[in-house]
C-alpha cells in the first residue's frame, strides 16, 4: 500500500470510524475491536477496494456477527462451567453467612482486591506470595486484601470483628 492509499485509510479512520463503531454495536459488545480489525484488514489488502467505505461496512458487519457468536458461545460455556463448579463457600450449620450473597459481593469487587482475597483465603498464600503473584509489594497486597474485606463487610452488612490490643 502506497503513501496515498495510507493517507486515504487515515481519513477513513477519522471520518468513518465512529459511525462504524456505532454500526457494529448493533451486534456485539466489542465494536471498537471489530472496527480496528476491519481497518487492519484494509491495510493488509494488496490493492485498495473499489469502494472502501462499502467494503469496511461489510467487513465490520461480518466481524460483528462473528464476535456476537463468539460472545454467545463463551457465555454458554462459562455458564455451564459455573454451574458445575463447587461453591466457594460451604454452608455453615448456623447459616450465619449467606453464601450466594457472599459470592455476589466478591464478584463485584475490583479484580485486584478479589484476586488478593481469593489467593489469601482460599489459596492460603502469604502476603509476600500474593505480592509476587500480582506483581506488587507485600504492603500493596495487604492493602488490597484489607480494603476488599472491608468492602465485603459493608456490602453484606457484617460488623467488623472486635479488635483487641495486645
N, C-alpha and C. Protein backbone atom coordinates (compact mmCIF):
# COMPACT_ATOMS: atom_id res chain seq x y z
N UNK A 1 0.86 -1.16 0.00
CA UNK A 1 0.00 0.00 0.00
C UNK A 1 0.90 1.23 0.00
N UNK A 2 0.62 2.15 -0.90
CA UNK A 2 1.44 3.35 -1.04
C UNK A 2 1.03 4.43 -0.06
N UNK A 3 1.78 5.55 -0.10
CA UNK A 3 1.50 6.67 0.81
C UNK A 3 0.11 7.26 0.59
N UNK A 4 -0.30 7.40 -0.67
CA UNK A 4 -1.61 7.97 -0.96
C UNK A 4 -2.72 7.09 -0.39
N UNK A 5 -2.56 5.77 -0.54
CA UNK A 5 -3.57 4.85 -0.01
C UNK A 5 -3.56 4.86 1.52
N UNK A 6 -2.36 4.95 2.12
CA UNK A 6 -2.27 5.01 3.58
C UNK A 6 -2.94 6.28 4.10
N UNK A 7 -2.76 7.40 3.39
CA UNK A 7 -3.43 8.65 3.77
C UNK A 7 -4.95 8.50 3.66
N UNK A 8 -5.40 7.78 2.64
CA UNK A 8 -6.83 7.56 2.46
C UNK A 8 -7.39 6.73 3.62
N UNK A 9 -6.62 5.75 4.09
CA UNK A 9 -7.06 4.93 5.22
C UNK A 9 -7.14 5.78 6.49
N UNK A 10 -6.16 6.66 6.68
CA UNK A 10 -6.19 7.55 7.85
C UNK A 10 -7.44 8.42 7.81
N UNK A 11 -7.78 8.95 6.65
CA UNK A 11 -9.00 9.76 6.51
C UNK A 11 -10.25 8.92 6.80
N UNK A 12 -10.24 7.68 6.32
CA UNK A 12 -11.37 6.80 6.58
C UNK A 12 -11.53 6.54 8.08
N UNK A 13 -10.43 6.32 8.76
CA UNK A 13 -10.49 6.09 10.21
C UNK A 13 -11.09 7.31 10.90
N UNK A 14 -10.60 8.48 10.53
CA UNK A 14 -11.07 9.72 11.15
C UNK A 14 -12.54 10.00 10.81
N UNK A 15 -12.89 9.86 9.53
CA UNK A 15 -14.23 10.24 9.07
C UNK A 15 -15.29 9.16 9.30
N UNK A 16 -14.92 7.90 9.18
CA UNK A 16 -15.91 6.82 9.23
C UNK A 16 -15.82 5.95 10.48
N UNK A 17 -14.71 6.04 11.21
CA UNK A 17 -14.51 5.18 12.38
C UNK A 17 -15.64 5.23 13.39
N UNK A 18 -16.03 6.43 13.88
CA UNK A 18 -17.12 6.47 14.88
C UNK A 18 -18.43 5.88 14.37
N UNK A 19 -18.77 6.13 13.12
CA UNK A 19 -20.01 5.57 12.57
C UNK A 19 -19.92 4.05 12.45
N UNK A 20 -18.74 3.55 12.12
CA UNK A 20 -18.56 2.10 12.04
C UNK A 20 -18.69 1.46 13.42
N UNK A 21 -18.18 2.12 14.45
CA UNK A 21 -18.33 1.60 15.81
C UNK A 21 -19.80 1.54 16.19
N UNK A 22 -20.52 2.60 15.89
CA UNK A 22 -21.96 2.63 16.17
C UNK A 22 -22.69 1.51 15.41
N UNK A 23 -22.29 1.31 14.17
CA UNK A 23 -22.89 0.25 13.35
C UNK A 23 -22.61 -1.13 13.97
N UNK A 24 -21.39 -1.34 14.42
CA UNK A 24 -21.01 -2.63 14.99
C UNK A 24 -21.71 -2.91 16.31
N UNK A 25 -22.08 -1.86 17.04
CA UNK A 25 -22.74 -2.04 18.34
C UNK A 25 -24.08 -2.75 18.23
N UNK A 26 -24.64 -2.81 17.05
CA UNK A 26 -25.92 -3.49 16.88
C UNK A 26 -25.81 -4.98 17.17
N UNK A 27 -24.62 -5.52 16.96
CA UNK A 27 -24.45 -6.98 17.06
C UNK A 27 -23.60 -7.43 18.23
N UNK A 28 -22.60 -6.67 18.60
CA UNK A 28 -21.64 -7.20 19.58
C UNK A 28 -21.31 -6.18 20.66
N UNK A 29 -20.61 -6.67 21.68
CA UNK A 29 -20.21 -5.82 22.81
C UNK A 29 -18.80 -5.28 22.66
N UNK A 30 -18.11 -5.64 21.60
CA UNK A 30 -16.74 -5.18 21.39
C UNK A 30 -16.61 -4.47 20.04
N UNK A 31 -17.42 -3.45 19.80
CA UNK A 31 -17.42 -2.83 18.48
C UNK A 31 -16.09 -2.17 18.11
N UNK A 32 -15.40 -1.60 19.08
CA UNK A 32 -14.12 -0.95 18.78
C UNK A 32 -13.12 -1.96 18.24
N UNK A 33 -13.10 -3.15 18.84
CA UNK A 33 -12.18 -4.20 18.39
C UNK A 33 -12.50 -4.63 16.96
N UNK A 34 -13.78 -4.77 16.68
CA UNK A 34 -14.20 -5.21 15.34
C UNK A 34 -13.80 -4.17 14.29
N UNK A 35 -14.02 -2.89 14.61
CA UNK A 35 -13.67 -1.83 13.66
C UNK A 35 -12.16 -1.76 13.48
N UNK A 36 -11.42 -1.90 14.55
CA UNK A 36 -9.96 -1.90 14.44
C UNK A 36 -9.50 -3.05 13.55
N UNK A 37 -10.06 -4.22 13.74
CA UNK A 37 -9.70 -5.37 12.90
C UNK A 37 -10.03 -5.10 11.43
N UNK A 38 -11.15 -4.45 11.18
CA UNK A 38 -11.54 -4.15 9.80
C UNK A 38 -10.51 -3.22 9.15
N UNK A 39 -10.08 -2.20 9.88
CA UNK A 39 -9.08 -1.29 9.32
C UNK A 39 -7.73 -2.00 9.12
N UNK A 40 -7.40 -2.90 10.02
CA UNK A 40 -6.16 -3.67 9.82
C UNK A 40 -6.26 -4.55 8.58
N UNK A 41 -7.42 -5.14 8.37
CA UNK A 41 -7.61 -5.95 7.16
C UNK A 41 -7.50 -5.08 5.92
N UNK A 42 -8.03 -3.87 5.99
CA UNK A 42 -7.93 -2.94 4.85
C UNK A 42 -6.48 -2.62 4.56
N UNK A 43 -5.70 -2.40 5.60
CA UNK A 43 -4.28 -2.08 5.41
C UNK A 43 -3.51 -3.26 4.81
N UNK A 44 -3.97 -4.47 5.07
CA UNK A 44 -3.29 -5.66 4.54
C UNK A 44 -3.64 -5.95 3.08
N UNK A 45 -4.65 -5.29 2.55
CA UNK A 45 -5.05 -5.53 1.17
C UNK A 45 -3.95 -5.08 0.21
N UNK A 46 -3.69 -5.89 -0.80
CA UNK A 46 -2.69 -5.53 -1.81
C UNK A 46 -3.14 -4.28 -2.56
N UNK A 47 -4.42 -4.23 -2.91
CA UNK A 47 -4.98 -3.08 -3.61
C UNK A 47 -6.18 -2.58 -2.82
N UNK A 48 -6.35 -1.26 -2.84
CA UNK A 48 -7.49 -0.66 -2.16
C UNK A 48 -8.77 -1.12 -2.87
N UNK A 49 -9.81 -1.53 -2.10
CA UNK A 49 -11.07 -1.93 -2.74
C UNK A 49 -11.65 -0.77 -3.55
N UNK A 50 -12.46 -1.10 -4.53
CA UNK A 50 -13.05 -0.07 -5.39
C UNK A 50 -13.90 0.90 -4.57
N UNK A 51 -14.67 0.39 -3.62
CA UNK A 51 -15.47 1.23 -2.74
C UNK A 51 -15.09 0.89 -1.30
N UNK A 52 -14.05 1.55 -0.75
CA UNK A 52 -13.56 1.15 0.57
C UNK A 52 -14.58 1.34 1.69
N UNK A 53 -15.47 2.31 1.59
CA UNK A 53 -16.47 2.52 2.64
C UNK A 53 -17.42 1.33 2.69
N UNK A 54 -17.95 0.94 1.54
CA UNK A 54 -18.85 -0.22 1.50
C UNK A 54 -18.11 -1.48 1.96
N UNK A 55 -16.86 -1.61 1.54
CA UNK A 55 -16.04 -2.76 1.93
C UNK A 55 -15.90 -2.80 3.46
N UNK A 56 -15.62 -1.64 4.07
CA UNK A 56 -15.45 -1.58 5.51
C UNK A 56 -16.75 -1.96 6.24
N UNK A 57 -17.87 -1.45 5.74
CA UNK A 57 -19.14 -1.79 6.38
C UNK A 57 -19.41 -3.29 6.30
N UNK A 58 -19.11 -3.90 5.19
CA UNK A 58 -19.32 -5.35 5.04
C UNK A 58 -18.42 -6.11 6.02
N UNK A 59 -17.15 -5.71 6.09
CA UNK A 59 -16.20 -6.40 6.98
C UNK A 59 -16.60 -6.19 8.44
N UNK A 60 -17.03 -4.97 8.79
CA UNK A 60 -17.46 -4.70 10.16
C UNK A 60 -18.72 -5.50 10.49
N UNK A 61 -19.65 -5.58 9.56
CA UNK A 61 -20.87 -6.35 9.79
C UNK A 61 -20.53 -7.82 10.04
N UNK A 62 -19.74 -8.40 9.15
CA UNK A 62 -19.37 -9.80 9.31
C UNK A 62 -18.58 -10.03 10.60
N UNK A 63 -17.65 -9.12 10.90
CA UNK A 63 -16.86 -9.25 12.12
C UNK A 63 -17.71 -9.12 13.37
N UNK A 64 -18.70 -8.23 13.34
CA UNK A 64 -19.59 -8.04 14.48
C UNK A 64 -20.45 -9.27 14.73
N UNK A 65 -20.96 -9.83 13.67
CA UNK A 65 -21.78 -11.04 13.81
C UNK A 65 -20.93 -12.19 14.35
N UNK A 66 -19.71 -12.32 13.84
CA UNK A 66 -18.82 -13.36 14.35
C UNK A 66 -18.48 -13.13 15.82
N UNK A 67 -18.24 -11.88 16.18
CA UNK A 67 -17.93 -11.55 17.57
C UNK A 67 -19.11 -11.88 18.47
N UNK A 68 -20.32 -11.59 18.00
CA UNK A 68 -21.53 -11.89 18.79
C UNK A 68 -21.68 -13.40 18.98
N UNK A 69 -21.40 -14.16 17.94
CA UNK A 69 -21.47 -15.63 18.07
C UNK A 69 -20.45 -16.12 19.07
N UNK A 70 -19.25 -15.56 19.00
CA UNK A 70 -18.19 -15.95 19.93
C UNK A 70 -18.60 -15.61 21.36
N UNK A 71 -19.15 -14.40 21.57
CA UNK A 71 -19.61 -13.99 22.90
C UNK A 71 -20.69 -14.94 23.41
N UNK A 72 -21.60 -15.33 22.52
CA UNK A 72 -22.69 -16.22 22.90
C UNK A 72 -22.15 -17.59 23.31
N UNK A 73 -21.24 -18.13 22.50
CA UNK A 73 -20.64 -19.43 22.83
C UNK A 73 -19.89 -19.36 24.14
N UNK A 74 -19.11 -18.30 24.31
CA UNK A 74 -18.35 -18.14 25.54
C UNK A 74 -19.29 -18.04 26.74
N UNK A 75 -20.37 -17.29 26.58
CA UNK A 75 -21.34 -17.15 27.67
C UNK A 75 -21.95 -18.49 28.06
N UNK A 76 -22.32 -19.28 27.05
CA UNK A 76 -22.89 -20.60 27.35
C UNK A 76 -21.86 -21.49 28.05
N UNK A 77 -20.62 -21.47 27.55
CA UNK A 77 -19.56 -22.28 28.14
C UNK A 77 -19.30 -21.86 29.59
N UNK A 78 -19.22 -20.55 29.81
CA UNK A 78 -18.95 -20.06 31.16
C UNK A 78 -20.12 -20.36 32.10
N UNK A 79 -21.33 -20.28 31.58
CA UNK A 79 -22.49 -20.59 32.39
C UNK A 79 -22.47 -22.06 32.81
N UNK A 80 -22.19 -22.94 31.87
CA UNK A 80 -22.11 -24.36 32.20
C UNK A 80 -20.99 -24.63 33.19
N UNK A 81 -19.85 -23.98 32.98
CA UNK A 81 -18.72 -24.18 33.89
C UNK A 81 -19.05 -23.68 35.29
N UNK A 82 -19.73 -22.55 35.39
CA UNK A 82 -20.04 -22.00 36.71
C UNK A 82 -21.07 -22.87 37.43
N UNK A 83 -21.96 -23.49 36.67
CA UNK A 83 -22.95 -24.36 37.29
C UNK A 83 -22.32 -25.64 37.82
N UNK A 84 -21.25 -26.08 37.17
CA UNK A 84 -20.64 -27.34 37.56
C UNK A 84 -19.52 -27.18 38.58
N UNK A 85 -19.08 -25.93 38.83
CA UNK A 85 -18.00 -25.75 39.79
C UNK A 85 -18.55 -25.84 41.21
N UNK A 86 -17.71 -26.29 42.12
CA UNK A 86 -18.17 -26.36 43.50
C UNK A 86 -18.36 -24.94 44.06
N UNK A 87 -19.24 -24.79 45.02
CA UNK A 87 -19.47 -23.46 45.59
C UNK A 87 -18.22 -22.95 46.31
N UNK A 88 -18.08 -21.64 46.35
CA UNK A 88 -16.93 -21.04 47.02
C UNK A 88 -17.03 -21.22 48.53
N UNK A 89 -18.23 -21.26 49.04
CA UNK A 89 -18.43 -21.36 50.48
C UNK A 89 -19.20 -22.63 50.79
N UNK A 90 -18.82 -23.30 51.85
CA UNK A 90 -19.59 -24.43 52.35
C UNK A 90 -20.64 -23.87 53.29
N UNK A 91 -21.88 -24.29 53.13
CA UNK A 91 -22.92 -23.77 54.03
C UNK A 91 -22.59 -24.10 55.49
N UNK A 92 -22.68 -23.10 56.33
CA UNK A 92 -22.42 -23.29 57.76
C UNK A 92 -23.65 -23.88 58.42
N UNK A 93 -23.42 -24.55 59.53
CA UNK A 93 -24.52 -25.16 60.26
C UNK A 93 -25.49 -24.09 60.74
N UNK A 94 -24.96 -22.99 61.23
CA UNK A 94 -25.84 -21.94 61.75
C UNK A 94 -26.25 -20.93 60.68
N UNK A 95 -25.77 -21.10 59.45
CA UNK A 95 -26.15 -20.26 58.32
C UNK A 95 -25.91 -18.77 58.59
N UNK A 96 -24.82 -18.43 59.29
CA UNK A 96 -24.54 -17.03 59.56
C UNK A 96 -24.12 -16.29 58.29
N UNK A 97 -23.57 -16.99 57.32
CA UNK A 97 -23.10 -16.37 56.10
C UNK A 97 -23.94 -16.86 54.93
N UNK A 98 -24.55 -15.94 54.21
CA UNK A 98 -25.32 -16.27 53.02
C UNK A 98 -24.31 -16.45 51.88
N UNK A 99 -24.08 -17.70 51.48
CA UNK A 99 -23.05 -18.00 50.50
C UNK A 99 -23.28 -17.30 49.16
N UNK A 100 -24.52 -17.29 48.71
CA UNK A 100 -24.80 -16.66 47.42
C UNK A 100 -24.54 -15.16 47.48
N UNK A 101 -24.92 -14.53 48.57
CA UNK A 101 -24.68 -13.09 48.72
C UNK A 101 -23.18 -12.81 48.81
N UNK A 102 -22.45 -13.69 49.47
CA UNK A 102 -21.00 -13.52 49.58
C UNK A 102 -20.32 -13.64 48.23
N UNK A 103 -20.74 -14.62 47.45
CA UNK A 103 -20.17 -14.79 46.11
C UNK A 103 -20.49 -13.58 45.25
N UNK A 104 -21.72 -13.12 45.31
CA UNK A 104 -22.13 -11.95 44.52
C UNK A 104 -21.32 -10.72 44.92
N UNK A 105 -21.15 -10.51 46.22
CA UNK A 105 -20.37 -9.37 46.70
C UNK A 105 -18.91 -9.50 46.29
N UNK A 106 -18.37 -10.70 46.37
CA UNK A 106 -16.97 -10.94 45.98
C UNK A 106 -16.78 -10.66 44.50
N UNK A 107 -17.73 -11.08 43.68
CA UNK A 107 -17.62 -10.86 42.24
C UNK A 107 -17.74 -9.39 41.86
N UNK A 108 -18.29 -8.57 42.73
CA UNK A 108 -18.43 -7.14 42.45
C UNK A 108 -17.18 -6.35 42.83
N UNK A 109 -16.27 -6.97 43.55
CA UNK A 109 -15.04 -6.28 43.93
C UNK A 109 -14.16 -6.04 42.70
N UNK A 110 -13.32 -5.02 42.74
CA UNK A 110 -12.33 -4.86 41.67
C UNK A 110 -11.43 -6.09 41.64
N UNK A 111 -10.96 -6.44 40.47
CA UNK A 111 -10.19 -7.67 40.29
C UNK A 111 -8.98 -7.72 41.22
N UNK A 112 -8.33 -6.59 41.48
CA UNK A 112 -7.14 -6.58 42.33
C UNK A 112 -7.48 -7.04 43.74
N UNK A 113 -8.60 -6.52 44.28
CA UNK A 113 -9.00 -6.91 45.63
C UNK A 113 -9.47 -8.36 45.66
N UNK A 114 -10.28 -8.72 44.69
CA UNK A 114 -10.81 -10.09 44.64
C UNK A 114 -9.67 -11.10 44.54
N UNK A 115 -8.70 -10.80 43.67
CA UNK A 115 -7.57 -11.70 43.48
C UNK A 115 -6.79 -11.87 44.79
N UNK A 116 -6.56 -10.77 45.52
CA UNK A 116 -5.83 -10.85 46.78
C UNK A 116 -6.59 -11.66 47.82
N UNK A 117 -7.90 -11.44 47.89
CA UNK A 117 -8.70 -12.17 48.88
C UNK A 117 -8.74 -13.66 48.57
N UNK A 118 -8.99 -14.00 47.32
CA UNK A 118 -9.08 -15.42 46.95
C UNK A 118 -7.73 -16.11 47.16
N UNK A 119 -6.65 -15.45 46.73
CA UNK A 119 -5.32 -16.05 46.89
C UNK A 119 -4.97 -16.23 48.36
N UNK A 120 -5.34 -15.26 49.18
CA UNK A 120 -5.00 -15.30 50.60
C UNK A 120 -5.89 -16.29 51.35
N UNK A 121 -7.21 -16.18 51.18
CA UNK A 121 -8.11 -17.02 51.96
C UNK A 121 -8.21 -18.45 51.43
N UNK A 122 -8.47 -18.60 50.15
CA UNK A 122 -8.67 -19.94 49.60
C UNK A 122 -7.37 -20.57 49.13
N UNK A 123 -6.44 -19.74 48.71
CA UNK A 123 -5.15 -20.28 48.27
C UNK A 123 -4.18 -20.47 49.40
N UNK A 124 -4.44 -19.80 50.53
CA UNK A 124 -3.55 -19.92 51.67
C UNK A 124 -2.20 -19.26 51.46
N UNK A 125 -2.12 -18.33 50.51
CA UNK A 125 -0.84 -17.68 50.23
C UNK A 125 -0.54 -16.59 51.25
N UNK A 126 0.73 -16.38 51.49
CA UNK A 126 1.15 -15.28 52.36
C UNK A 126 1.05 -13.99 51.57
N UNK A 127 1.15 -12.86 52.25
CA UNK A 127 1.11 -11.58 51.55
C UNK A 127 2.30 -11.46 50.59
N UNK A 128 3.42 -12.01 50.97
CA UNK A 128 4.59 -11.99 50.09
C UNK A 128 4.32 -12.80 48.81
N UNK A 129 3.67 -13.94 48.96
CA UNK A 129 3.34 -14.76 47.80
C UNK A 129 2.29 -14.09 46.93
N UNK A 130 1.31 -13.45 47.55
CA UNK A 130 0.29 -12.72 46.79
C UNK A 130 0.95 -11.57 46.03
N UNK A 131 1.92 -10.91 46.67
CA UNK A 131 2.63 -9.81 46.01
C UNK A 131 3.38 -10.29 44.78
N UNK A 132 4.05 -11.42 44.88
CA UNK A 132 4.76 -11.97 43.72
C UNK A 132 3.76 -12.34 42.62
N UNK A 133 2.67 -12.94 43.02
CA UNK A 133 1.63 -13.36 42.07
C UNK A 133 1.05 -12.17 41.31
N UNK A 134 0.81 -11.06 42.02
CA UNK A 134 0.15 -9.90 41.41
C UNK A 134 1.13 -8.85 40.92
N UNK A 135 2.42 -9.06 41.14
CA UNK A 135 3.42 -8.09 40.68
C UNK A 135 3.39 -6.80 41.48
N UNK A 136 3.12 -6.91 42.79
CA UNK A 136 3.06 -5.74 43.66
C UNK A 136 3.95 -5.97 44.86
N UNK A 137 3.94 -5.02 45.77
CA UNK A 137 4.67 -5.19 47.03
C UNK A 137 3.77 -5.91 48.03
N UNK A 138 4.38 -6.51 49.06
CA UNK A 138 3.56 -7.15 50.10
C UNK A 138 2.60 -6.14 50.76
N UNK A 139 3.05 -4.90 50.92
CA UNK A 139 2.18 -3.89 51.52
C UNK A 139 0.96 -3.62 50.65
N UNK A 140 1.15 -3.56 49.34
CA UNK A 140 0.02 -3.35 48.42
C UNK A 140 -0.91 -4.55 48.45
N UNK A 141 -0.35 -5.75 48.47
CA UNK A 141 -1.18 -6.96 48.55
C UNK A 141 -2.02 -6.93 49.82
N UNK A 142 -1.41 -6.52 50.94
CA UNK A 142 -2.13 -6.43 52.21
C UNK A 142 -3.24 -5.39 52.13
N UNK A 143 -2.92 -4.19 51.59
CA UNK A 143 -3.92 -3.12 51.49
C UNK A 143 -5.10 -3.56 50.63
N UNK A 144 -4.84 -4.24 49.52
CA UNK A 144 -5.92 -4.70 48.66
C UNK A 144 -6.78 -5.73 49.38
N UNK A 145 -6.14 -6.62 50.11
CA UNK A 145 -6.84 -7.65 50.87
C UNK A 145 -7.75 -7.02 51.92
N UNK A 146 -7.19 -6.12 52.72
CA UNK A 146 -7.96 -5.49 53.79
C UNK A 146 -9.07 -4.62 53.22
N UNK A 147 -8.76 -3.86 52.19
CA UNK A 147 -9.77 -3.00 51.57
C UNK A 147 -10.91 -3.84 50.99
N UNK A 148 -10.57 -4.95 50.36
CA UNK A 148 -11.59 -5.83 49.81
C UNK A 148 -12.47 -6.44 50.89
N UNK A 149 -11.85 -6.85 52.00
CA UNK A 149 -12.65 -7.40 53.11
C UNK A 149 -13.57 -6.35 53.69
N UNK A 150 -13.07 -5.12 53.83
CA UNK A 150 -13.93 -4.04 54.35
C UNK A 150 -15.12 -3.80 53.42
N UNK A 151 -14.86 -3.81 52.13
CA UNK A 151 -15.95 -3.62 51.16
C UNK A 151 -16.94 -4.77 51.25
N UNK A 152 -16.45 -6.00 51.40
CA UNK A 152 -17.35 -7.15 51.55
C UNK A 152 -18.20 -7.02 52.81
N UNK A 153 -17.59 -6.60 53.90
CA UNK A 153 -18.35 -6.44 55.14
C UNK A 153 -19.45 -5.40 54.97
N UNK A 154 -19.11 -4.29 54.30
CA UNK A 154 -20.12 -3.24 54.08
C UNK A 154 -21.25 -3.76 53.19
N UNK A 155 -20.91 -4.42 52.09
CA UNK A 155 -21.92 -4.92 51.17
C UNK A 155 -22.83 -5.95 51.83
N UNK A 156 -22.25 -6.75 52.69
CA UNK A 156 -23.02 -7.82 53.32
C UNK A 156 -23.56 -7.40 54.69
N UNK A 157 -23.26 -6.17 55.09
CA UNK A 157 -23.72 -5.63 56.38
C UNK A 157 -23.29 -6.51 57.55
N UNK A 158 -22.03 -6.91 57.53
CA UNK A 158 -21.47 -7.72 58.60
C UNK A 158 -20.58 -6.80 59.43
N UNK A 159 -20.80 -6.73 60.72
CA UNK A 159 -19.97 -5.84 61.54
C UNK A 159 -18.52 -6.34 61.60
N UNK A 160 -17.63 -5.40 61.74
CA UNK A 160 -16.21 -5.70 61.84
C UNK A 160 -15.98 -6.40 63.17
N UNK A 161 -15.18 -7.45 63.18
CA UNK A 161 -14.93 -8.13 64.47
C UNK A 161 -14.22 -7.18 65.43
N UNK A 162 -14.48 -7.36 66.70
CA UNK A 162 -13.87 -6.51 67.72
C UNK A 162 -12.36 -6.68 67.67
N UNK A 163 -11.68 -5.53 67.70
CA UNK A 163 -10.21 -5.56 67.67
C UNK A 163 -9.71 -5.55 69.10
N UNK A 164 -8.76 -6.40 69.34
CA UNK A 164 -8.15 -6.45 70.68
C UNK A 164 -6.75 -5.92 70.57
N UNK A 165 -6.32 -5.24 71.59
CA UNK A 165 -4.95 -4.72 71.62
C UNK A 165 -4.12 -5.62 72.52
N UNK A 166 -2.89 -5.81 72.13
CA UNK A 166 -2.02 -6.66 72.93
C UNK A 166 -0.90 -5.85 73.51
